[in-house]
Amino acid sequence: LTGKDSHTGSTPMSMRKNAGLGMARITELVHEIA
C-alpha cells in the first residue's frame, strides 16, 4: 500500500493518505474472509 508519509500532528485527518490505516482495514477483511 502506498500513501504519503506526513506529520502526525499537523496533517488534518481529512487530508491524510494513511497506508497504516489501509493495512488495518485489510486485516479486518482477511479475518472476515476466513
Full PDB file with SEQRES, HELIX, SHEET, SSBOND, CRYST1, ORIGX, SCALE, CONECT and MASTER records, all heavy atoms in Angstrom:
SEQRES   1 A   34  LEU THR GLY LYS ASP SER HIS THR GLY SER THR PRO MET          
SEQRES   2 A   34  SER MET ARG LYS ASN ALA GLY LEU GLY MET ALA ARG ILE          
SEQRES   3 A   34  THR GLU LEU VAL HIS GLU ILE ALA                              
HELIX    1 AA1 MET A   13  MET A   15  5                                   3    
HELIX    2 AA2 ALA A   19  ILE A   33  1                                  15    
CRYST1    1.000    1.000    1.000  90.00  90.00  90.00 P 1           1          
ORIGX1      1.000000  0.000000  0.000000        0.00000                         
ORIGX2      0.000000  1.000000  0.000000        0.00000                         
ORIGX3      0.000000  0.000000  1.000000        0.00000                         
SCALE1      1.000000  0.000000  0.000000        0.00000                         
SCALE2      0.000000  1.000000  0.000000        0.00000                         
SCALE3      0.000000  0.000000  1.000000        0.00000                         
ATOM      1  N   LEU A   1       0.858  -1.189   0.000  1.00  0.00           N  
ATOM      2  CA  LEU A   1       0.000   0.000   0.000  1.00  0.00           C  
ATOM      3  C   LEU A   1       0.892   1.235   0.000  1.00  0.00           C  
ATOM      4  O   LEU A   1       1.840   1.331   0.786  1.00  0.00           O  
ATOM      5  CB  LEU A   1      -0.900   0.025   1.236  1.00  0.00           C  
ATOM      6  CG  LEU A   1      -1.957  -1.077   1.342  1.00  0.00           C  
ATOM      7  CD1 LEU A   1      -2.673  -0.987   2.684  1.00  0.00           C  
ATOM      8  CD2 LEU A   1      -2.951  -0.982   0.197  1.00  0.00           C  
ATOM      9  N   THR A   2       0.579   2.183  -0.881  1.00  0.00           N  
ATOM     10  CA  THR A   2       1.375   3.405  -0.996  1.00  0.00           C  
ATOM     11  C   THR A   2       0.493   4.615  -0.765  1.00  0.00           C  
ATOM     12  O   THR A   2      -0.512   4.814  -1.460  1.00  0.00           O  
ATOM     13  CB  THR A   2       2.033   3.502  -2.379  1.00  0.00           C  
ATOM     14  OG1 THR A   2       2.771   2.301  -2.633  1.00  0.00           O  
ATOM     15  CG2 THR A   2       2.969   4.691  -2.439  1.00  0.00           C  
ATOM     16  N   GLY A   3       0.857   5.389   0.261  1.00  0.00           N  
ATOM     17  CA  GLY A   3       0.147   6.626   0.565  1.00  0.00           C  
ATOM     18  C   GLY A   3       1.109   7.799   0.537  1.00  0.00           C  
ATOM     19  O   GLY A   3       1.879   7.957  -0.417  1.00  0.00           O  
ATOM     20  N   LYS A   4       1.105   8.579   1.611  1.00  0.00           N  
ATOM     21  CA  LYS A   4       2.004   9.730   1.686  1.00  0.00           C  
ATOM     22  C   LYS A   4       2.420   9.907   3.137  1.00  0.00           C  
ATOM     23  O   LYS A   4       1.574  10.140   4.006  1.00  0.00           O  
ATOM     24  CB  LYS A   4       1.311  10.984   1.170  1.00  0.00           C  
ATOM     25  CG  LYS A   4       2.222  12.188   1.017  1.00  0.00           C  
ATOM     26  CD  LYS A   4       1.481  13.326   0.343  1.00  0.00           C  
ATOM     27  CE  LYS A   4       2.416  14.494   0.074  1.00  0.00           C  
ATOM     28  NZ  LYS A   4       1.712  15.604  -0.626  1.00  0.00           N  
ATOM     29  N   ASP A   5       3.720   9.735   3.416  1.00  0.00           N  
ATOM     30  CA  ASP A   5       4.165   9.943   4.789  1.00  0.00           C  
ATOM     31  C   ASP A   5       4.161  11.436   5.091  1.00  0.00           C  
ATOM     32  O   ASP A   5       4.672  12.246   4.313  1.00  0.00           O  
ATOM     33  CB  ASP A   5       5.545   9.323   5.044  1.00  0.00           C  
ATOM     34  CG  ASP A   5       6.521   9.448   3.897  1.00  0.00           C  
ATOM     35  OD1 ASP A   5       6.135   9.121   2.766  1.00  0.00           O  
ATOM     36  OD2 ASP A   5       7.663   9.883   4.134  1.00  0.00           O  
ATOM     37  N   SER A   6       3.565  11.756   6.233  1.00  0.00           N  
ATOM     38  CA  SER A   6       3.418  13.164   6.623  1.00  0.00           C  
ATOM     39  C   SER A   6       3.313  13.254   8.141  1.00  0.00           C  
ATOM     40  O   SER A   6       3.183  12.245   8.837  1.00  0.00           O  
ATOM     41  CB  SER A   6       2.190  13.791   5.951  1.00  0.00           C  
ATOM     42  OG  SER A   6       1.031  13.006   6.181  1.00  0.00           O  
ATOM     43  N   HIS A   7       3.349  14.474   8.660  1.00  0.00           N  
ATOM     44  CA  HIS A   7       3.418  14.709  10.094  1.00  0.00           C  
ATOM     45  C   HIS A   7       2.123  14.283  10.776  1.00  0.00           C  
ATOM     46  O   HIS A   7       1.021  14.653  10.347  1.00  0.00           O  
ATOM     47  CB  HIS A   7       3.682  16.202  10.348  1.00  0.00           C  
ATOM     48  CG  HIS A   7       4.215  16.497  11.704  1.00  0.00           C  
ATOM     49  ND1 HIS A   7       3.481  16.336  12.853  1.00  0.00           N  
ATOM     50  CD2 HIS A   7       5.436  16.975  12.094  1.00  0.00           C  
ATOM     51  CE1 HIS A   7       4.213  16.687  13.897  1.00  0.00           C  
ATOM     52  NE2 HIS A   7       5.410  17.088  13.460  1.00  0.00           N  
ATOM     53  N   THR A   8       2.261  13.499  11.855  1.00  0.00           N  
ATOM     54  CA  THR A   8       1.055  13.012  12.548  1.00  0.00           C  
ATOM     55  C   THR A   8       0.321  14.129  13.279  1.00  0.00           C  
ATOM     56  O   THR A   8      -0.887  14.029  13.515  1.00  0.00           O  
ATOM     57  CB  THR A   8       1.427  11.932  13.588  1.00  0.00           C  
ATOM     58  OG1 THR A   8       2.400  12.464  14.492  1.00  0.00           O  
ATOM     59  CG2 THR A   8       1.968  10.675  12.933  1.00  0.00           C  
ATOM     60  N   GLY A   9       1.040  15.196  13.627  1.00  0.00           N  
ATOM     61  CA  GLY A   9       0.398  16.251  14.405  1.00  0.00           C  
ATOM     62  C   GLY A   9      -0.221  17.340  13.575  1.00  0.00           C  
ATOM     63  O   GLY A   9      -1.232  17.941  13.986  1.00  0.00           O  
ATOM     64  N   SER A  10       0.337  17.628  12.413  1.00  0.00           N  
ATOM     65  CA  SER A  10      -0.092  18.822  11.678  1.00  0.00           C  
ATOM     66  C   SER A  10      -0.846  18.512  10.390  1.00  0.00           C  
ATOM     67  O   SER A  10      -1.232  19.436   9.666  1.00  0.00           O  
ATOM     68  CB  SER A  10       1.132  19.689  11.351  1.00  0.00           C  
ATOM     69  OG  SER A  10       2.095  18.939  10.647  1.00  0.00           O  
ATOM     70  N   THR A  11      -1.062  17.232  10.088  1.00  0.00           N  
ATOM     71  CA  THR A  11      -1.810  16.866   8.885  1.00  0.00           C  
ATOM     72  C   THR A  11      -3.270  16.602   9.263  1.00  0.00           C  
ATOM     73  O   THR A  11      -3.539  15.700  10.061  1.00  0.00           O  
ATOM     74  CB  THR A  11      -1.223  15.610   8.222  1.00  0.00           C  
ATOM     75  OG1 THR A  11       0.173  15.798   7.991  1.00  0.00           O  
ATOM     76  CG2 THR A  11      -1.934  15.321   6.901  1.00  0.00           C  
ATOM     77  N   PRO A  12      -4.210  17.377   8.735  1.00  0.00           N  
ATOM     78  CA  PRO A  12      -5.622  17.168   9.075  1.00  0.00           C  
ATOM     79  C   PRO A  12      -6.069  15.745   8.720  1.00  0.00           C  
ATOM     80  O   PRO A  12      -5.601  15.153   7.741  1.00  0.00           O  
ATOM     81  CB  PRO A  12      -6.351  18.204   8.219  1.00  0.00           C  
ATOM     82  CG  PRO A  12      -5.333  19.253   7.942  1.00  0.00           C  
ATOM     83  CD  PRO A  12      -4.025  18.532   7.831  1.00  0.00           C  
ATOM     84  N   MET A  13      -6.978  15.189   9.511  1.00  0.00           N  
ATOM     85  CA  MET A  13      -7.440  13.824   9.300  1.00  0.00           C  
ATOM     86  C   MET A  13      -8.015  13.637   7.898  1.00  0.00           C  
ATOM     87  O   MET A  13      -7.827  12.589   7.270  1.00  0.00           O  
ATOM     88  CB  MET A  13      -8.482  13.449  10.351  1.00  0.00           C  
ATOM     89  CG  MET A  13      -7.960  13.449  11.782  1.00  0.00           C  
ATOM     90  SD  MET A  13      -6.644  12.237  12.077  1.00  0.00           S  
ATOM     91  CE  MET A  13      -7.580  10.709  12.033  1.00  0.00           C  
ATOM     92  N   SER A  14      -8.697  14.652   7.399  1.00  0.00           N  
ATOM     93  CA  SER A  14      -9.353  14.526   6.100  1.00  0.00           C  
ATOM     94  C   SER A  14      -8.377  14.594   4.935  1.00  0.00           C  
ATOM     95  O   SER A  14      -8.743  14.294   3.789  1.00  0.00           O  
ATOM     96  CB  SER A  14     -10.411  15.630   5.931  1.00  0.00           C  
ATOM     97  OG  SER A  14      -9.798  16.913   5.987  1.00  0.00           O  
ATOM     98  N   MET A  15      -7.127  14.968   5.204  1.00  0.00           N  
ATOM     99  CA  MET A  15      -6.149  15.143   4.137  1.00  0.00           C  
ATOM    100  C   MET A  15      -5.033  14.090   4.167  1.00  0.00           C  
ATOM    101  O   MET A  15      -4.051  14.208   3.457  1.00  0.00           O  
ATOM    102  CB  MET A  15      -5.545  16.549   4.219  1.00  0.00           C  
ATOM    103  CG  MET A  15      -6.580  17.669   4.059  1.00  0.00           C  
ATOM    104  SD  MET A  15      -5.900  19.332   4.269  1.00  0.00           S  
ATOM    105  CE  MET A  15      -4.860  19.447   2.814  1.00  0.00           C  
ATOM    106  N   ARG A  16      -5.235  13.071   4.969  1.00  0.00           N  
ATOM    107  CA  ARG A  16      -4.193  12.043   5.111  1.00  0.00           C  
ATOM    108  C   ARG A  16      -4.335  10.937   4.060  1.00  0.00           C  
ATOM    109  O   ARG A  16      -5.442  10.596   3.648  1.00  0.00           O  
ATOM    110  CB  ARG A  16      -4.252  11.424   6.509  1.00  0.00           C  
ATOM    111  CG  ARG A  16      -4.019  12.430   7.607  1.00  0.00           C  
ATOM    112  CD  ARG A  16      -4.117  11.817   8.992  1.00  0.00           C  
ATOM    113  NE  ARG A  16      -3.854  12.850   9.995  1.00  0.00           N  
ATOM    114  CZ  ARG A  16      -3.255  12.630  11.164  1.00  0.00           C  
ATOM    115  NH1 ARG A  16      -2.882  11.392  11.494  1.00  0.00           N  
ATOM    116  NH2 ARG A  16      -3.042  13.622  12.000  1.00  0.00           N  
ATOM    117  N   LYS A  17      -3.193  10.370   3.683  1.00  0.00           N  
ATOM    118  CA  LYS A  17      -3.142   9.147   2.872  1.00  0.00           C  
ATOM    119  C   LYS A  17      -2.356   8.110   3.680  1.00  0.00           C  
ATOM    120  O   LYS A  17      -1.158   7.915   3.481  1.00  0.00           O  
ATOM    121  CB  LYS A  17      -2.491   9.418   1.515  1.00  0.00           C  
ATOM    122  CG  LYS A  17      -3.313  10.376   0.644  1.00  0.00           C  
ATOM    123  CD  LYS A  17      -2.687  10.580  -0.720  1.00  0.00           C  
ATOM    124  CE  LYS A  17      -3.564  11.502  -1.570  1.00  0.00           C  
ATOM    125  NZ  LYS A  17      -2.980  11.731  -2.915  1.00  0.00           N  
ATOM    126  N   ASN A  18      -3.083   7.480   4.610  1.00  0.00           N  
ATOM    127  CA  ASN A  18      -2.502   6.680   5.673  1.00  0.00           C  
ATOM    128  C   ASN A  18      -2.434   5.205   5.272  1.00  0.00           C  
ATOM    129  O   ASN A  18      -3.437   4.483   5.335  1.00  0.00           O  
ATOM    130  CB  ASN A  18      -3.325   6.865   6.952  1.00  0.00           C  
ATOM    131  CG  ASN A  18      -2.706   6.181   8.149  1.00  0.00           C  
ATOM    132  OD1 ASN A  18      -1.811   5.340   8.030  1.00  0.00           O  
ATOM    133  ND2 ASN A  18      -3.178   6.560   9.337  1.00  0.00           N  
ATOM    134  N   ALA A  19      -1.245   4.764   4.867  1.00  0.00           N  
ATOM    135  CA  ALA A  19      -1.085   3.372   4.451  1.00  0.00           C  
ATOM    136  C   ALA A  19      -1.306   2.419   5.633  1.00  0.00           C  
ATOM    137  O   ALA A  19      -1.773   1.283   5.453  1.00  0.00           O  
ATOM    138  CB  ALA A  19       0.303   3.163   3.856  1.00  0.00           C  
ATOM    139  N   GLY A  20      -0.994   2.862   6.844  1.00  0.00           N  
ATOM    140  CA  GLY A  20      -1.221   2.022   8.022  1.00  0.00           C  
ATOM    141  C   GLY A  20      -2.692   1.751   8.256  1.00  0.00           C  
ATOM    142  O   GLY A  20      -3.082   0.632   8.630  1.00  0.00           O  
ATOM    143  N   LEU A  21      -3.530   2.759   8.023  1.00  0.00           N  
ATOM    144  CA  LEU A  21      -4.973   2.569   8.160  1.00  0.00           C  
ATOM    145  C   LEU A  21      -5.482   1.585   7.113  1.00  0.00           C  
ATOM    146  O   LEU A  21      -6.337   0.737   7.393  1.00  0.00           O  
ATOM    147  CB  LEU A  21      -5.693   3.916   8.006  1.00  0.00           C  
ATOM    148  CG  LEU A  21      -7.219   3.881   8.068  1.00  0.00           C  
ATOM    149  CD1 LEU A  21      -7.701   3.300   9.393  1.00  0.00           C  
ATOM    150  CD2 LEU A  21      -7.782   5.298   7.846  1.00  0.00           C  
ATOM    151  N   GLY A  22      -4.920   1.659   5.912  1.00  0.00           N  
ATOM    152  CA  GLY A  22      -5.305   0.701   4.876  1.00  0.00           C  
ATOM    153  C   GLY A  22      -4.973  -0.728   5.285  1.00  0.00           C  
ATOM    154  O   GLY A  22      -5.775  -1.649   5.087  1.00  0.00           O  
ATOM    155  N   MET A  23      -3.782  -0.934   5.881  1.00  0.00           N  
ATOM    156  CA  MET A  23      -3.428  -2.269   6.338  1.00  0.00           C  
ATOM    157  C   MET A  23      -4.384  -2.739   7.430  1.00  0.00           C  
ATOM    158  O   MET A  23      -4.790  -3.914   7.452  1.00  0.00           O  
ATOM    159  CB  MET A  23      -1.991  -2.301   6.868  1.00  0.00           C  
ATOM    160  CG  MET A  23      -1.559  -3.688   7.315  1.00  0.00           C  
ATOM    161  SD  MET A  23       0.148  -3.801   7.892  1.00  0.00           S  
ATOM    162  CE  MET A  23       0.021  -2.911   9.452  1.00  0.00           C  
ATOM    163  N   ALA A  24      -4.772  -1.851   8.325  1.00  0.00           N  
ATOM    164  CA  ALA A  24      -5.690  -2.223   9.396  1.00  0.00           C  
ATOM    165  C   ALA A  24      -7.032  -2.693   8.831  1.00  0.00           C  
ATOM    166  O   ALA A  24      -7.593  -3.698   9.286  1.00  0.00           O  
ATOM    167  CB  ALA A  24      -5.892  -1.041  10.340  1.00  0.00           C  
ATOM    168  N   ARG A  25      -7.536  -1.981   7.848  1.00  0.00           N  
ATOM    169  CA  ARG A  25      -8.833  -2.357   7.275  1.00  0.00           C  
ATOM    170  C   ARG A  25      -8.733  -3.643   6.453  1.00  0.00           C  
ATOM    171  O   ARG A  25      -9.669  -4.452   6.444  1.00  0.00           O  
ATOM    172  CB  ARG A  25      -9.381  -1.201   6.431  1.00  0.00           C  
ATOM    173  CG  ARG A  25      -9.766  -0.011   7.304  1.00  0.00           C  
ATOM    174  CD  ARG A  25     -10.493   1.070   6.552  1.00  0.00           C  
ATOM    175  NE  ARG A  25     -10.869   2.151   7.459  1.00  0.00           N  
ATOM    176  CZ  ARG A  25     -11.374   3.326   7.070  1.00  0.00           C  
ATOM    177  NH1 ARG A  25     -11.567   3.551   5.757  1.00  0.00           N  
ATOM    178  NH2 ARG A  25     -11.694   4.253   7.954  1.00  0.00           N  
ATOM    179  N   ILE A  26      -7.607  -3.854   5.788  1.00  0.00           N  
ATOM    180  CA  ILE A  26      -7.427  -5.114   5.049  1.00  0.00           C  
ATOM    181  C   ILE A  26      -7.224  -6.268   6.029  1.00  0.00           C  
ATOM    182  O   ILE A  26      -7.648  -7.397   5.747  1.00  0.00           O  
ATOM    183  CB  ILE A  26      -6.280  -4.985   4.036  1.00  0.00           C  
ATOM    184  CG1 ILE A  26      -6.683  -3.990   2.932  1.00  0.00           C  
ATOM    185  CG2 ILE A  26      -5.928  -6.344   3.429  1.00  0.00           C  
ATOM    186  CD1 ILE A  26      -5.583  -3.676   1.935  1.00  0.00           C  
ATOM    187  N   THR A  27      -6.625  -5.992   7.175  1.00  0.00           N  
ATOM    188  CA  THR A  27      -6.520  -7.022   8.219  1.00  0.00           C  
ATOM    189  C   THR A  27      -7.911  -7.491   8.636  1.00  0.00           C  
ATOM    190  O   THR A  27      -8.162  -8.698   8.792  1.00  0.00           O  
ATOM    191  CB  THR A  27      -5.758  -6.486   9.444  1.00  0.00           C  
ATOM    192  OG1 THR A  27      -4.444  -6.078   9.058  1.00  0.00           O  
ATOM    193  CG2 THR A  27      -5.659  -7.548  10.542  1.00  0.00           C  
ATOM    194  N   GLU A  28      -8.808  -6.559   8.823  1.00  0.00           N  
ATOM    195  CA  GLU A  28     -10.200  -6.911   9.140  1.00  0.00           C  
ATOM    196  C   GLU A  28     -10.829  -7.712   8.002  1.00  0.00           C  
ATOM    197  O   GLU A  28     -11.552  -8.687   8.238  1.00  0.00           O  
ATOM    198  CB  GLU A  28     -11.018  -5.641   9.384  1.00  0.00           C  
ATOM    199  CG  GLU A  28     -10.754  -4.962  10.705  1.00  0.00           C  
ATOM    200  CD  GLU A  28     -11.457  -5.662  11.866  1.00  0.00           C  
ATOM    201  OE1 GLU A  28     -12.149  -6.679  11.639  1.00  0.00           O  
ATOM    202  OE2 GLU A  28     -11.309  -5.192  13.009  1.00  0.00           O  
ATOM    203  N   LEU A  29     -10.546  -7.323   6.767  1.00  0.00           N  
ATOM    204  CA  LEU A  29     -11.089  -8.035   5.614  1.00  0.00           C  
ATOM    205  C   LEU A  29     -10.596  -9.472   5.581  1.00  0.00           C  
ATOM    206  O   LEU A  29     -11.376 -10.405   5.331  1.00  0.00           O  
ATOM    207  CB  LEU A  29     -10.695  -7.306   4.323  1.00  0.00           C  
ATOM    208  CG  LEU A  29     -11.063  -8.016   3.006  1.00  0.00           C  
ATOM    209  CD1 LEU A  29     -12.572  -8.186   2.875  1.00  0.00           C  
ATOM    210  CD2 LEU A  29     -10.489  -7.241   1.815  1.00  0.00           C  
ATOM    211  N   VAL A  30      -9.308  -9.675   5.832  1.00  0.00           N  
ATOM    212  CA  VAL A  30      -8.748 -11.035   5.850  1.00  0.00           C  
ATOM    213  C   VAL A  30      -9.475 -11.886   6.877  1.00  0.00           C  
ATOM    214  O   VAL A  30      -9.839 -13.043   6.622  1.00  0.00           O  
ATOM    215  CB  VAL A  30      -7.232 -10.988   6.136  1.00  0.00           C  
ATOM    216  CG1 VAL A  30      -6.683 -12.381   6.454  1.00  0.00           C  
ATOM    217  CG2 VAL A  30      -6.483 -10.376   4.954  1.00  0.00           C  
ATOM    218  N   HIS A  31      -9.701 -11.321   8.050  1.00  0.00           N  
ATOM    219  CA  HIS A  31     -10.417 -12.047   9.106  1.00  0.00           C  
ATOM    220  C   HIS A  31     -11.848 -12.368   8.678  1.00  0.00           C  
ATOM    221  O   HIS A  31     -12.335 -13.491   8.879  1.00  0.00           O  
ATOM    222  CB  HIS A  31     -10.420 -11.225  10.391  1.00  0.00           C  
ATOM    223  CG  HIS A  31     -11.007 -11.935  11.567  1.00  0.00           C  
ATOM    224  ND1 HIS A  31     -10.341 -12.915  12.256  1.00  0.00           N  
ATOM    225  CD2 HIS A  31     -12.226 -11.809  12.170  1.00  0.00           C  
ATOM    226  CE1 HIS A  31     -11.107 -13.364  13.236  1.00  0.00           C  
ATOM    227  NE2 HIS A  31     -12.257 -12.714  13.206  1.00  0.00           N  
ATOM    228  N   GLU A  32     -12.513 -11.400   8.071  1.00  0.00           N  
ATOM    229  CA  GLU A  32     -13.893 -11.616   7.609  1.00  0.00           C  
ATOM    230  C   GLU A  32     -13.957 -12.734   6.568  1.00  0.00           C  
ATOM    231  O   GLU A  32     -14.858 -13.581   6.593  1.00  0.00           O  
ATOM    232  CB  GLU A  32     -14.461 -10.323   7.006  1.00  0.00           C  
ATOM    233  CG  GLU A  32     -14.756  -9.236   8.016  1.00  0.00           C  
ATOM    234  CD  GLU A  32     -15.149  -7.931   7.339  1.00  0.00           C  
ATOM    235  OE1 GLU A  32     -15.411  -7.976   6.100  1.00  0.00           O  
ATOM    236  OE2 GLU A  32     -15.168  -6.893   8.009  1.00  0.00           O  
ATOM    237  N   ILE A  33     -13.007 -12.743   5.645  1.00  0.00           N  
ATOM    238  CA  ILE A  33     -12.986 -13.765   4.596  1.00  0.00           C  
ATOM    239  C   ILE A  33     -12.802 -15.152   5.211  1.00  0.00           C  
ATOM    240  O   ILE A  33     -13.481 -16.112   4.843  1.00  0.00           O  
ATOM    241  CB  ILE A  33     -11.873 -13.464   3.571  1.00  0.00           C  
ATOM    242  CG1 ILE A  33     -12.219 -12.202   2.766  1.00  0.00           C  
ATOM    243  CG2 ILE A  33     -11.661 -14.648   2.634  1.00  0.00           C  
ATOM    244  CD1 ILE A  33     -11.086 -11.706   1.883  1.00  0.00           C  
ATOM    245  N   ALA A  34     -11.871 -15.268   6.159  1.00  0.00           N  
ATOM    246  CA  ALA A  34     -11.651 -16.569   6.809  1.00  0.00           C  
ATOM    247  C   ALA A  34     -12.886 -17.010   7.585  1.00  0.00           C  
ATOM    248  O   ALA A  34     -13.303 -18.173   7.511  1.00  0.00           O  
ATOM    249  CB  ALA A  34     -10.435 -16.491   7.730  1.00  0.00           C  
TER     250      ALA A  34                                                      
MASTER        0    0    0    2    0    0    0    6  249    1    0    3          
END                                                                             
